Amino acid sequence: MLNRKISEIDEFKEVVEAKGKFLLIKHSLTCPISHAAFEEFEKFVEDNQAVDTYYLYVQEARPLSNYIAETYHVKHESPQAILFDKGDVTWHASHWKITYDSLTREVVK
C-alpha cells in the first residue's frame, strides 16, 4: 500500500506515469464535510491496503488541484475523490458521496 500526500504538479505527473490505478482525494482543511469524507477515505485506506492512494490539501496545493481539474476535465470540488486508471479518470465523487461504501464499490472491482 502507498498512501502519500502530494502537493506539486511534477509529483502528480510522476504518479500518473508510474501507477496503473490509484485513488486521489482532494481535502479541504477547513471544511467539516471534507473532514467527514477524509475520515471515510482513511477507513477505506486502512481496509484496502493493496490500493495506491494519494491525497492533497487544497489550501496547500491549489496549483495542483487546478491542474487536475483542467487536465482531466473534472470540475474542482472539495472534498473530491478521483479514481485514475492508466492516465484516465474512471470515476469521481464529491462531498457526501465520498463514503467507505462508495469507495469500496468503485475502487475495489
PDB file of N, CA and C in Angstrom:
ATOM      1  N   MET A   1       0.832  -1.186   0.000  1.00  0.00           N
ATOM      2  CA  MET A   1       0.000   0.000   0.000  1.00  0.00           C
ATOM      3  C   MET A   1       0.871   1.241   0.000  1.00  0.00           C
ATOM      4  N   LEU A   2       0.358   2.239  -0.653  1.00  0.00           N
ATOM      5  CA  LEU A   2       1.024   3.528  -0.647  1.00  0.00           C
ATOM      6  C   LEU A   2      -0.048   4.583  -0.438  1.00  0.00           C
ATOM      7  N   ASN A   3       0.043   5.332   0.632  1.00  0.00           N
ATOM      8  CA  ASN A   3      -0.866   6.445   0.891  1.00  0.00           C
ATOM      9  C   ASN A   3       0.026   7.644   1.154  1.00  0.00           C
ATOM     10  N   ARG A   4       0.056   8.545   0.193  1.00  0.00           N
ATOM     11  CA  ARG A   4       1.038   9.614   0.264  1.00  0.00           C
ATOM     12  C   ARG A   4       0.410  10.957  -0.075  1.00  0.00           C
ATOM     13  N   LYS A   5       0.842  11.962   0.628  1.00  0.00           N
ATOM     14  CA  LYS A   5       0.434  13.333   0.333  1.00  0.00           C
ATOM     15  C   LYS A   5       1.256  13.834  -0.849  1.00  0.00           C
ATOM     16  N   ILE A   6       0.580  14.470  -1.792  1.00  0.00           N
ATOM     17  CA  ILE A   6       1.287  15.109  -2.895  1.00  0.00           C
ATOM     18  C   ILE A   6       0.859  16.566  -2.958  1.00  0.00           C
ATOM     19  N   SER A   7       1.772  17.406  -3.375  1.00  0.00           N
ATOM     20  CA  SER A   7       1.497  18.843  -3.388  1.00  0.00           C
ATOM     21  C   SER A   7       1.884  19.520  -4.692  1.00  0.00           C
ATOM     22  N   GLU A   8       2.741  18.876  -5.462  1.00  0.00           N
ATOM     23  CA  GLU A   8       3.299  19.509  -6.656  1.00  0.00           C
ATOM     24  C   GLU A   8       2.829  18.824  -7.933  1.00  0.00           C
ATOM     25  N   ILE A   9       2.703  19.593  -8.985  1.00  0.00           N
ATOM     26  CA  ILE A   9       2.276  19.062 -10.279  1.00  0.00           C
ATOM     27  C   ILE A   9       3.248  17.987 -10.770  1.00  0.00           C
ATOM     28  N   ASP A  10       4.535  18.225 -10.626  1.00  0.00           N
ATOM     29  CA  ASP A  10       5.519  17.239 -11.087  1.00  0.00           C
ATOM     30  C   ASP A  10       5.389  15.915 -10.341  1.00  0.00           C
ATOM     31  N   GLU A  11       5.130  15.976  -9.040  1.00  0.00           N
ATOM     32  CA  GLU A  11       4.902  14.749  -8.260  1.00  0.00           C
ATOM     33  C   GLU A  11       3.711  13.981  -8.820  1.00  0.00           C
ATOM     34  N   PHE A  12       2.627  14.712  -9.082  1.00  0.00           N
ATOM     35  CA  PHE A  12       1.417  14.081  -9.592  1.00  0.00           C
ATOM     36  C   PHE A  12       1.674  13.444 -10.957  1.00  0.00           C
ATOM     37  N   LYS A  13       2.379  14.137 -11.839  1.00  0.00           N
ATOM     38  CA  LYS A  13       2.687  13.579 -13.161  1.00  0.00           C
ATOM     39  C   LYS A  13       3.483  12.285 -13.037  1.00  0.00           C
ATOM     40  N   GLU A  14       4.407  12.223 -12.092  1.00  0.00           N
ATOM     41  CA  GLU A  14       5.187  11.007 -11.868  1.00  0.00           C
ATOM     42  C   GLU A  14       4.287   9.858 -11.435  1.00  0.00           C
ATOM     43  N   VAL A  15       3.326  10.148 -10.560  1.00  0.00           N
ATOM     44  CA  VAL A  15       2.390   9.119 -10.100  1.00  0.00           C
ATOM     45  C   VAL A  15       1.569   8.600 -11.277  1.00  0.00           C
ATOM     46  N   VAL A  16       1.066   9.497 -12.099  1.00  0.00           N
ATOM     47  CA  VAL A  16       0.258   9.094 -13.258  1.00  0.00           C
ATOM     48  C   VAL A  16       1.066   8.187 -14.179  1.00  0.00           C
ATOM     49  N   GLU A  17       2.339   8.527 -14.390  1.00  0.00           N
ATOM     50  CA  GLU A  17       3.192   7.722 -15.272  1.00  0.00           C
ATOM     51  C   GLU A  17       3.554   6.377 -14.649  1.00  0.00           C
ATOM     52  N   ALA A  18       3.740   6.341 -13.335  1.00  0.00           N
ATOM     53  CA  ALA A  18       4.236   5.135 -12.670  1.00  0.00           C
ATOM     54  C   ALA A  18       3.145   4.155 -12.262  1.00  0.00           C
ATOM     55  N   LYS A  19       1.960   4.643 -11.989  1.00  0.00           N
ATOM     56  CA  LYS A  19       0.907   3.795 -11.438  1.00  0.00           C
ATOM     57  C   LYS A  19      -0.159   3.520 -12.487  1.00  0.00           C
ATOM     58  N   GLY A  20      -0.658   2.300 -12.486  1.00  0.00           N
ATOM     59  CA  GLY A  20      -1.775   1.991 -13.366  1.00  0.00           C
ATOM     60  C   GLY A  20      -3.064   2.568 -12.816  1.00  0.00           C
ATOM     61  N   LYS A  21      -3.376   2.179 -11.593  1.00  0.00           N
ATOM     62  CA  LYS A  21      -4.629   2.593 -10.964  1.00  0.00           C
ATOM     63  C   LYS A  21      -4.324   3.167  -9.585  1.00  0.00           C
ATOM     64  N   PHE A  22      -4.916   4.329  -9.290  1.00  0.00           N
ATOM     65  CA  PHE A  22      -4.745   4.920  -7.972  1.00  0.00           C
ATOM     66  C   PHE A  22      -5.905   5.852  -7.670  1.00  0.00           C
ATOM     67  N   LEU A  23      -6.098   6.082  -6.394  1.00  0.00           N
ATOM     68  CA  LEU A  23      -7.169   6.937  -5.898  1.00  0.00           C
ATOM     69  C   LEU A  23      -6.553   8.183  -5.289  1.00  0.00           C
ATOM     70  N   LEU A  24      -7.126   9.326  -5.633  1.00  0.00           N
ATOM     71  CA  LEU A  24      -6.684  10.610  -5.079  1.00  0.00           C
ATOM     72  C   LEU A  24      -7.870  11.282  -4.416  1.00  0.00           C
ATOM     73  N   ILE A  25      -7.647  11.877  -3.266  1.00  0.00           N
ATOM     74  CA  ILE A  25      -8.689  12.678  -2.641  1.00  0.00           C
ATOM     75  C   ILE A  25      -8.169  14.097  -2.444  1.00  0.00           C
ATOM     76  N   LYS A  26      -9.004  15.066  -2.839  1.00  0.00           N
ATOM     77  CA  LYS A  26      -8.739  16.478  -2.577  1.00  0.00           C
ATOM     78  C   LYS A  26      -9.456  16.817  -1.273  1.00  0.00           C
ATOM     79  N   HIS A  27      -8.697  17.321  -0.311  1.00  0.00           N
ATOM     80  CA  HIS A  27      -9.227  17.557   1.029  1.00  0.00           C
ATOM     81  C   HIS A  27      -9.026  19.010   1.438  1.00  0.00           C
ATOM     82  N   SER A  28     -10.094  19.631   1.911  1.00  0.00           N
ATOM     83  CA  SER A  28     -10.014  20.983   2.463  1.00  0.00           C
ATOM     84  C   SER A  28      -9.807  20.878   3.968  1.00  0.00           C
ATOM     85  N   LEU A  29      -8.828  21.578   4.460  1.00  0.00           N
ATOM     86  CA  LEU A  29      -8.508  21.533   5.881  1.00  0.00           C
ATOM     87  C   LEU A  29      -9.498  22.321   6.740  1.00  0.00           C
ATOM     88  N   THR A  30     -10.360  23.106   6.103  1.00  0.00           N
ATOM     89  CA  THR A  30     -11.263  23.973   6.866  1.00  0.00           C
ATOM     90  C   THR A  30     -12.734  23.600   6.739  1.00  0.00           C
ATOM     91  N   CYS A  31     -13.056  22.591   5.966  1.00  0.00           N
ATOM     92  CA  CYS A  31     -14.455  22.244   5.686  1.00  0.00           C
ATOM     93  C   CYS A  31     -14.879  21.009   6.477  1.00  0.00           C
ATOM     94  N   PRO A  32     -15.957  21.092   7.251  1.00  0.00           N
ATOM     95  CA  PRO A  32     -16.407  19.925   8.017  1.00  0.00           C
ATOM     96  C   PRO A  32     -16.873  18.761   7.126  1.00  0.00           C
ATOM     97  N   ILE A  33     -17.454  19.061   5.983  1.00  0.00           N
ATOM     98  CA  ILE A  33     -17.862  17.995   5.057  1.00  0.00           C
ATOM     99  C   ILE A  33     -16.619  17.271   4.548  1.00  0.00           C
ATOM    100  N   SER A  34     -15.588  18.032   4.231  1.00  0.00           N
ATOM    101  CA  SER A  34     -14.340  17.435   3.766  1.00  0.00           C
ATOM    102  C   SER A  34     -13.707  16.590   4.865  1.00  0.00           C
ATOM    103  N   HIS A  35     -13.795  17.048   6.081  1.00  0.00           N
ATOM    104  CA  HIS A  35     -13.256  16.275   7.208  1.00  0.00           C
ATOM    105  C   HIS A  35     -13.954  14.915   7.305  1.00  0.00           C
ATOM    106  N   ALA A  36     -15.270  14.910   7.177  1.00  0.00           N
ATOM    107  CA  ALA A  36     -16.026  13.651   7.239  1.00  0.00           C
ATOM    108  C   ALA A  36     -15.642  12.732   6.083  1.00  0.00           C
ATOM    109  N   ALA A  37     -15.501  13.287   4.883  1.00  0.00           N
ATOM    110  CA  ALA A  37     -15.112  12.487   3.715  1.00  0.00           C
ATOM    111  C   ALA A  37     -13.705  11.919   3.893  1.00  0.00           C
ATOM    112  N   PHE A  38     -12.802  12.725   4.455  1.00  0.00           N
ATOM    113  CA  PHE A  38     -11.428  12.258   4.652  1.00  0.00           C
ATOM    114  C   PHE A  38     -11.383  11.120   5.665  1.00  0.00           C
ATOM    115  N   GLU A  39     -12.243  11.167   6.669  1.00  0.00           N
ATOM    116  CA  GLU A  39     -12.317  10.054   7.619  1.00  0.00           C
ATOM    117  C   GLU A  39     -12.784   8.776   6.926  1.00  0.00           C
ATOM    118  N   GLU A  40     -13.756   8.885   6.036  1.00  0.00           N
ATOM    119  CA  GLU A  40     -14.216   7.732   5.261  1.00  0.00           C
ATOM    120  C   GLU A  40     -13.071   7.195   4.402  1.00  0.00           C
ATOM    121  N   PHE A  41     -12.332   8.086   3.775  1.00  0.00           N
ATOM    122  CA  PHE A  41     -11.171   7.732   2.955  1.00  0.00           C
ATOM    123  C   PHE A  41     -10.132   6.994   3.804  1.00  0.00           C
ATOM    124  N   GLU A  42      -9.846   7.510   4.992  1.00  0.00           N
ATOM    125  CA  GLU A  42      -8.854   6.872   5.854  1.00  0.00           C
ATOM    126  C   GLU A  42      -9.272   5.462   6.262  1.00  0.00           C
ATOM    127  N   LYS A  43     -10.556   5.266   6.543  1.00  0.00           N
ATOM    128  CA  LYS A  43     -11.054   3.917   6.861  1.00  0.00           C
ATOM    129  C   LYS A  43     -10.888   2.998   5.658  1.00  0.00           C
ATOM    130  N   PHE A  44     -11.209   3.517   4.477  1.00  0.00           N
ATOM    131  CA  PHE A  44     -11.056   2.742   3.251  1.00  0.00           C
ATOM    132  C   PHE A  44      -9.593   2.335   3.057  1.00  0.00           C
ATOM    133  N   VAL A  45      -8.685   3.281   3.226  1.00  0.00           N
ATOM    134  CA  VAL A  45      -7.250   3.010   3.053  1.00  0.00           C
ATOM    135  C   VAL A  45      -6.792   1.914   4.020  1.00  0.00           C
ATOM    136  N   GLU A  46      -7.240   2.010   5.252  1.00  0.00           N
ATOM    137  CA  GLU A  46      -6.847   1.028   6.266  1.00  0.00           C
ATOM    138  C   GLU A  46      -7.278  -0.390   5.874  1.00  0.00           C
ATOM    139  N   ASP A  47      -8.466  -0.512   5.297  1.00  0.00           N
ATOM    140  CA  ASP A  47      -9.007  -1.826   4.952  1.00  0.00           C
ATOM    141  C   ASP A  47      -8.651  -2.307   3.548  1.00  0.00           C
ATOM    142  N   ASN A  48      -8.055  -1.456   2.744  1.00  0.00           N
ATOM    143  CA  ASN A  48      -7.745  -1.792   1.342  1.00  0.00           C
ATOM    144  C   ASN A  48      -6.306  -1.408   1.026  1.00  0.00           C
ATOM    145  N   GLN A  49      -5.405  -2.074   1.710  1.00  0.00           N
ATOM    146  CA  GLN A  49      -4.008  -1.678   1.618  1.00  0.00           C
ATOM    147  C   GLN A  49      -3.345  -2.011   0.290  1.00  0.00           C
ATOM    148  N   ALA A  50      -4.018  -2.777  -0.552  1.00  0.00           N
ATOM    149  CA  ALA A  50      -3.453  -3.069  -1.875  1.00  0.00           C
ATOM    150  C   ALA A  50      -3.684  -1.927  -2.855  1.00  0.00           C
ATOM    151  N   VAL A  51      -4.526  -0.966  -2.489  1.00  0.00           N
ATOM    152  CA  VAL A  51      -4.860   0.151  -3.375  1.00  0.00           C
ATOM    153  C   VAL A  51      -3.892   1.303  -3.120  1.00  0.00           C
ATOM    154  N   ASP A  52      -3.294   1.820  -4.184  1.00  0.00           N
ATOM    155  CA  ASP A  52      -2.440   3.002  -4.052  1.00  0.00           C
ATOM    156  C   ASP A  52      -3.337   4.223  -3.901  1.00  0.00           C
ATOM    157  N   THR A  53      -3.100   4.988  -2.846  1.00  0.00           N
ATOM    158  CA  THR A  53      -3.919   6.158  -2.567  1.00  0.00           C
ATOM    159  C   THR A  53      -3.042   7.368  -2.302  1.00  0.00           C
ATOM    160  N   TYR A  54      -3.571   8.505  -2.693  1.00  0.00           N
ATOM    161  CA  TYR A  54      -2.870   9.777  -2.520  1.00  0.00           C
ATOM    162  C   TYR A  54      -3.878  10.813  -2.071  1.00  0.00           C
ATOM    163  N   TYR A  55      -3.385  11.853  -1.454  1.00  0.00           N
ATOM    164  CA  TYR A  55      -4.258  12.948  -1.066  1.00  0.00           C
ATOM    165  C   TYR A  55      -3.515  14.265  -1.212  1.00  0.00           C
ATOM    166  N   LEU A  56      -4.300  15.316  -1.357  1.00  0.00           N
ATOM    167  CA  LEU A  56      -3.732  16.653  -1.357  1.00  0.00           C
ATOM    168  C   LEU A  56      -4.607  17.542  -0.497  1.00  0.00           C
ATOM    169  N   TYR A  57      -3.976  18.521   0.113  1.00  0.00           N
ATOM    170  CA  TYR A  57      -4.688  19.537   0.871  1.00  0.00           C
ATOM    171  C   TYR A  57      -4.868  20.723  -0.068  1.00  0.00           C
ATOM    172  N   VAL A  58      -6.107  21.047  -0.351  1.00  0.00           N
ATOM    173  CA  VAL A  58      -6.408  22.078  -1.342  1.00  0.00           C
ATOM    174  C   VAL A  58      -5.725  23.402  -0.999  1.00  0.00           C
ATOM    175  N   GLN A  59      -5.729  23.769   0.271  1.00  0.00           N
ATOM    176  CA  GLN A  59      -5.126  25.048   0.668  1.00  0.00           C
ATOM    177  C   GLN A  59      -3.615  25.079   0.416  1.00  0.00           C
ATOM    178  N   GLU A  60      -2.974  23.922   0.420  1.00  0.00           N
ATOM    179  CA  GLU A  60      -1.520  23.855   0.244  1.00  0.00           C
ATOM    180  C   GLU A  60      -1.119  23.526  -1.189  1.00  0.00           C
ATOM    181  N   ALA A  61      -2.073  23.087  -1.995  1.00  0.00           N
ATOM    182  CA  ALA A  61      -1.734  22.601  -3.342  1.00  0.00           C
ATOM    183  C   ALA A  61      -2.726  23.104  -4.387  1.00  0.00           C
ATOM    184  N   ARG A  62      -3.059  24.374  -4.303  1.00  0.00           N
ATOM    185  CA  ARG A  62      -4.037  24.948  -5.235  1.00  0.00           C
ATOM    186  C   ARG A  62      -3.609  24.778  -6.697  1.00  0.00           C
ATOM    187  N   PRO A  63      -2.353  25.048  -7.062  1.00  0.00           N
ATOM    188  CA  PRO A  63      -1.963  24.853  -8.467  1.00  0.00           C
ATOM    189  C   PRO A  63      -2.163  23.408  -8.939  1.00  0.00           C
ATOM    190  N   LEU A  64      -1.840  22.438  -8.084  1.00  0.00           N
ATOM    191  CA  LEU A  64      -2.032  21.034  -8.448  1.00  0.00           C
ATOM    192  C   LEU A  64      -3.517  20.721  -8.588  1.00  0.00           C
ATOM    193  N   SER A  65      -4.314  21.185  -7.655  1.00  0.00           N
ATOM    194  CA  SER A  65      -5.757  20.955  -7.717  1.00  0.00           C
ATOM    195  C   SER A  65      -6.340  21.521  -9.011  1.00  0.00           C
ATOM    196  N   ASN A  66      -5.941  22.722  -9.358  1.00  0.00           N
ATOM    197  CA  ASN A  66      -6.414  23.343 -10.601  1.00  0.00           C
ATOM    198  C   ASN A  66      -5.913  22.581 -11.825  1.00  0.00           C
ATOM    199  N   TYR A  67      -4.665  22.138 -11.787  1.00  0.00           N
ATOM    200  CA  TYR A  67      -4.094  21.366 -12.894  1.00  0.00           C
ATOM    201  C   TYR A  67      -4.917  20.104 -13.146  1.00  0.00           C
ATOM    202  N   ILE A  68      -5.265  19.386 -12.094  1.00  0.00           N
ATOM    203  CA  ILE A  68      -6.045  18.159 -12.248  1.00  0.00           C
ATOM    204  C   ILE A  68      -7.410  18.472 -12.850  1.00  0.00           C
ATOM    205  N   ALA A  69      -8.057  19.505 -12.343  1.00  0.00           N
ATOM    206  CA  ALA A  69      -9.374  19.891 -12.867  1.00  0.00           C
ATOM    207  C   ALA A  69      -9.301  20.234 -14.350  1.00  0.00           C
ATOM    208  N   GLU A  70      -8.319  21.010 -14.727  1.00  0.00           N
ATOM    209  CA  GLU A  70      -8.190  21.448 -16.126  1.00  0.00           C
ATOM    210  C   GLU A  70      -7.743  20.320 -17.047  1.00  0.00           C
ATOM    211  N   THR A  71      -6.784  19.540 -16.623  1.00  0.00           N
ATOM    212  CA  THR A  71      -6.223  18.486 -17.469  1.00  0.00           C
ATOM    213  C   THR A  71      -7.202  17.341 -17.680  1.00  0.00           C
ATOM    214  N   TYR A  72      -7.941  16.999 -16.640  1.00  0.00           N
ATOM    215  CA  TYR A  72      -8.814  15.821 -16.701  1.00  0.00           C
ATOM    216  C   TYR A  72     -10.297  16.177 -16.826  1.00  0.00           C
ATOM    217  N   HIS A  73     -10.579  17.462 -16.978  1.00  0.00           N
ATOM    218  CA  HIS A  73     -11.950  17.947 -17.204  1.00  0.00           C
ATOM    219  C   HIS A  73     -12.907  17.462 -16.118  1.00  0.00           C
ATOM    220  N   VAL A  74     -12.439  17.527 -14.876  1.00  0.00           N
ATOM    221  CA  VAL A  74     -13.256  17.182 -13.725  1.00  0.00           C
ATOM    222  C   VAL A  74     -13.360  18.461 -12.889  1.00  0.00           C
ATOM    223  N   LYS A  75     -14.530  19.063 -12.899  1.00  0.00           N
ATOM    224  CA  LYS A  75     -14.741  20.315 -12.185  1.00  0.00           C
ATOM    225  C   LYS A  75     -14.256  20.182 -10.747  1.00  0.00           C
ATOM    226  N   HIS A  76     -13.472  21.153 -10.300  1.00  0.00           N
ATOM    227  CA  HIS A  76     -12.927  21.109  -8.935  1.00  0.00           C
ATOM    228  C   HIS A  76     -14.045  21.193  -7.913  1.00  0.00           C
ATOM    229  N   GLU A  77     -13.998  20.272  -6.972  1.00  0.00           N
ATOM    230  CA  GLU A  77     -14.852  20.330  -5.800  1.00  0.00           C
ATOM    231  C   GLU A  77     -14.001  19.878  -4.623  1.00  0.00           C
ATOM    232  N   SER A  78     -14.448  20.221  -3.450  1.00  0.00           N
ATOM    233  CA  SER A  78     -13.711  19.820  -2.261  1.00  0.00           C
ATOM    234  C   SER A  78     -14.709  19.560  -1.148  1.00  0.00           C
ATOM    235  N   PRO A  79     -14.696  18.351  -0.630  1.00  0.00           N
ATOM    236  CA  PRO A  79     -13.799  17.234  -0.929  1.00  0.00           C
ATOM    237  C   PRO A  79     -14.153  16.581  -2.260  1.00  0.00           C
ATOM    238  N   GLN A  80     -13.175  15.888  -2.800  1.00  0.00           N
ATOM    239  CA  GLN A  80     -13.383  15.197  -4.073  1.00  0.00           C
ATOM    240  C   GLN A  80     -12.472  13.975  -4.137  1.00  0.00           C
ATOM    241  N   ALA A  81     -13.061  12.838  -4.486  1.00  0.00           N
ATOM    242  CA  ALA A  81     -12.301  11.609  -4.701  1.00  0.00           C
ATOM    243  C   ALA A  81     -12.262  11.350  -6.198  1.00  0.00           C
ATOM    244  N   ILE A  82     -11.086  11.025  -6.701  1.00  0.00           N
ATOM    245  CA  ILE A  82     -10.917  10.784  -8.137  1.00  0.00           C
ATOM    246  C   ILE A  82     -10.129   9.485  -8.307  1.00  0.00           C
ATOM    247  N   LEU A  83     -10.677   8.588  -9.100  1.00  0.00           N
ATOM    248  CA  LEU A  83     -10.007   7.328  -9.414  1.00  0.00           C
ATOM    249  C   LEU A  83      -9.378   7.444 -10.794  1.00  0.00           C
ATOM    250  N   PHE A  84      -8.088   7.193 -10.859  1.00  0.00           N
ATOM    251  CA  PHE A  84      -7.344   7.215 -12.114  1.00  0.00           C
ATOM    252  C   PHE A  84      -6.974   5.788 -12.495  1.00  0.00           C
ATOM    253  N   ASP A  85      -7.036   5.493 -13.784  1.00  0.00           N
ATOM    254  CA  ASP A  85      -6.594   4.195 -14.282  1.00  0.00           C
ATOM    255  C   ASP A  85      -5.945   4.411 -15.639  1.00  0.00           C
ATOM    256  N   LYS A  86      -4.678   4.065 -15.718  1.00  0.00           N
ATOM    257  CA  LYS A  86      -3.893   4.222 -16.948  1.00  0.00           C
ATOM    258  C   LYS A  86      -3.977   5.642 -17.493  1.00  0.00           C
ATOM    259  N   GLY A  87      -3.898   6.617 -16.608  1.00  0.00           N
ATOM    260  CA  GLY A  87      -3.862   8.016 -17.017  1.00  0.00           C
ATOM    261  C   GLY A  87      -5.209   8.648 -17.291  1.00  0.00           C
ATOM    262  N   ASP A  88      -6.292   7.923 -17.084  1.00  0.00           N
ATOM    263  CA  ASP A  88      -7.631   8.475 -17.301  1.00  0.00           C
ATOM    264  C   ASP A  88      -8.424   8.459 -16.003  1.00  0.00           C
ATOM    265  N   VAL A  89      -9.349   9.400 -15.884  1.00  0.00           N
ATOM    266  CA  VAL A  89     -10.278   9.406 -14.759  1.00  0.00           C
ATOM    267  C   VAL A  89     -11.395   8.422 -15.082  1.00  0.00           C
ATOM    268  N   THR A  90     -11.589   7.447 -14.209  1.00  0.00           N
ATOM    269  CA  THR A  90     -12.635   6.453 -14.439  1.00  0.00           C
ATOM    270  C   THR A  90     -13.820   6.620 -13.496  1.00  0.00           C
ATOM    271  N   TRP A  91     -13.655   7.430 -12.449  1.00  0.00           N
ATOM    272  CA  TRP A  91     -14.744   7.685 -11.503  1.00  0.00           C
ATOM    273  C   TRP A  91     -14.348   8.867 -10.646  1.00  0.00           C
ATOM    274  N   HIS A  92     -15.341   9.643 -10.238  1.00  0.00           N
ATOM    275  CA  HIS A  92     -15.099  10.688  -9.250  1.00  0.00           C
ATOM    276  C   HIS A  92     -16.379  10.965  -8.492  1.00  0.00           C
ATOM    277  N   ALA A  93     -16.212  11.466  -7.282  1.00  0.00           N
ATOM    278  CA  ALA A  93     -17.350  11.803  -6.428  1.00  0.00           C
ATOM    279  C   ALA A  93     -16.935  12.952  -5.523  1.00  0.00           C
ATOM    280  N   SER A  94     -17.936  13.642  -4.992  1.00  0.00           N
ATOM    281  CA  SER A  94     -17.617  14.745  -4.097  1.00  0.00           C
ATOM    282  C   SER A  94     -18.580  14.774  -2.918  1.00  0.00           C
ATOM    283  N   HIS A  95     -18.204  15.563  -1.942  1.00  0.00           N
ATOM    284  CA  HIS A  95     -18.993  15.832  -0.751  1.00  0.00           C
ATOM    285  C   HIS A  95     -19.499  14.548  -0.080  1.00  0.00           C
ATOM    286  N   TRP A  96     -20.794  14.478   0.206  1.00  0.00           N
ATOM    287  CA  TRP A  96     -21.358  13.353   0.962  1.00  0.00           C
ATOM    288  C   TRP A  96     -21.363  12.047   0.176  1.00  0.00           C
ATOM    289  N   LYS A  97     -21.016  12.095  -1.110  1.00  0.00           N
ATOM    290  CA  LYS A  97     -20.963  10.861  -1.913  1.00  0.00           C
ATOM    291  C   LYS A  97     -19.656  10.099  -1.691  1.00  0.00           C
ATOM    292  N   ILE A  98     -18.735  10.705  -0.951  1.00  0.00           N
ATOM    293  CA  ILE A  98     -17.484  10.027  -0.622  1.00  0.00           C
ATOM    294  C   ILE A  98     -17.699   9.293   0.695  1.00  0.00           C
ATOM    295  N   THR A  99     -17.974   8.008   0.578  1.00  0.00           N
ATOM    296  CA  THR A  99     -18.192   7.168   1.750  1.00  0.00           C
ATOM    297  C   THR A  99     -17.322   5.927   1.635  1.00  0.00           C
ATOM    298  N   TYR A 100     -17.166   5.247   2.731  1.00  0.00           N
ATOM    299  CA  TYR A 100     -16.436   3.980   2.726  1.00  0.00           C
ATOM    300  C   TYR A 100     -17.055   3.039   1.694  1.00  0.00           C
ATOM    301  N   ASP A 101     -18.380   2.948   1.697  1.00  0.00           N
ATOM    302  CA  ASP A 101     -19.068   2.045   0.776  1.00  0.00           C
ATOM    303  C   ASP A 101     -18.888   2.450  -0.686  1.00  0.00           C
ATOM    304  N   SER A 102     -18.996   3.743  -0.980  1.00  0.00           N
ATOM    305  CA  SER A 102     -18.832   4.165  -2.377  1.00  0.00           C
ATOM    306  C   SER A 102     -17.408   3.937  -2.851  1.00  0.00           C
ATOM    307  N   LEU A 103     -16.436   4.193  -1.985  1.00  0.00           N
ATOM    308  CA  LEU A 103     -15.042   3.951  -2.362  1.00  0.00           C
ATOM    309  C   LEU A 103     -14.801   2.469  -2.587  1.00  0.00           C
ATOM    310  N   THR A 104     -15.341   1.637  -1.720  1.00  0.00           N
ATOM    311  CA  THR A 104     -15.179   0.191  -1.874  1.00  0.00           C
ATOM    312  C   THR A 104     -15.825  -0.289  -3.167  1.00  0.00           C
ATOM    313  N   ARG A 105     -17.042   0.166  -3.422  1.00  0.00           N
ATOM    314  CA  ARG A 105     -17.780  -0.260  -4.604  1.00  0.00           C
ATOM    315  C   ARG A 105     -17.067   0.151  -5.906  1.00  0.00           C
ATOM    316  N   GLU A 106     -16.537   1.358  -5.949  1.00  0.00           N
ATOM    317  CA  GLU A 106     -15.976   1.887  -7.195  1.00  0.00           C
ATOM    318  C   GLU A 106     -14.503   1.578  -7.390  1.00  0.00           C
ATOM    319  N   VAL A 107     -13.753   1.476  -6.319  1.00  0.00           N
ATOM    320  CA  VAL A 107     -12.297   1.327  -6.427  1.00  0.00           C
ATOM    321  C   VAL A 107     -11.863  -0.132  -6.397  1.00  0.00           C
ATOM    322  N   VAL A 108     -12.537  -0.940  -5.603  1.00  0.00           N
ATOM    323  CA  VAL A 108     -12.147  -2.341  -5.444  1.00  0.00           C
ATOM    324  C   VAL A 108     -13.049  -3.192  -6.309  1.00  0.00           C
ATOM    325  N   LYS A 109     -12.744  -3.234  -7.591  1.00  0.00           N
ATOM    326  CA  LYS A 109     -13.556  -4.022  -8.538  1.00  0.00           C
ATOM    327  C   LYS A 109     -12.773  -5.222  -8.999  1.00  0.00           C
TER     328      LYS A 109
END
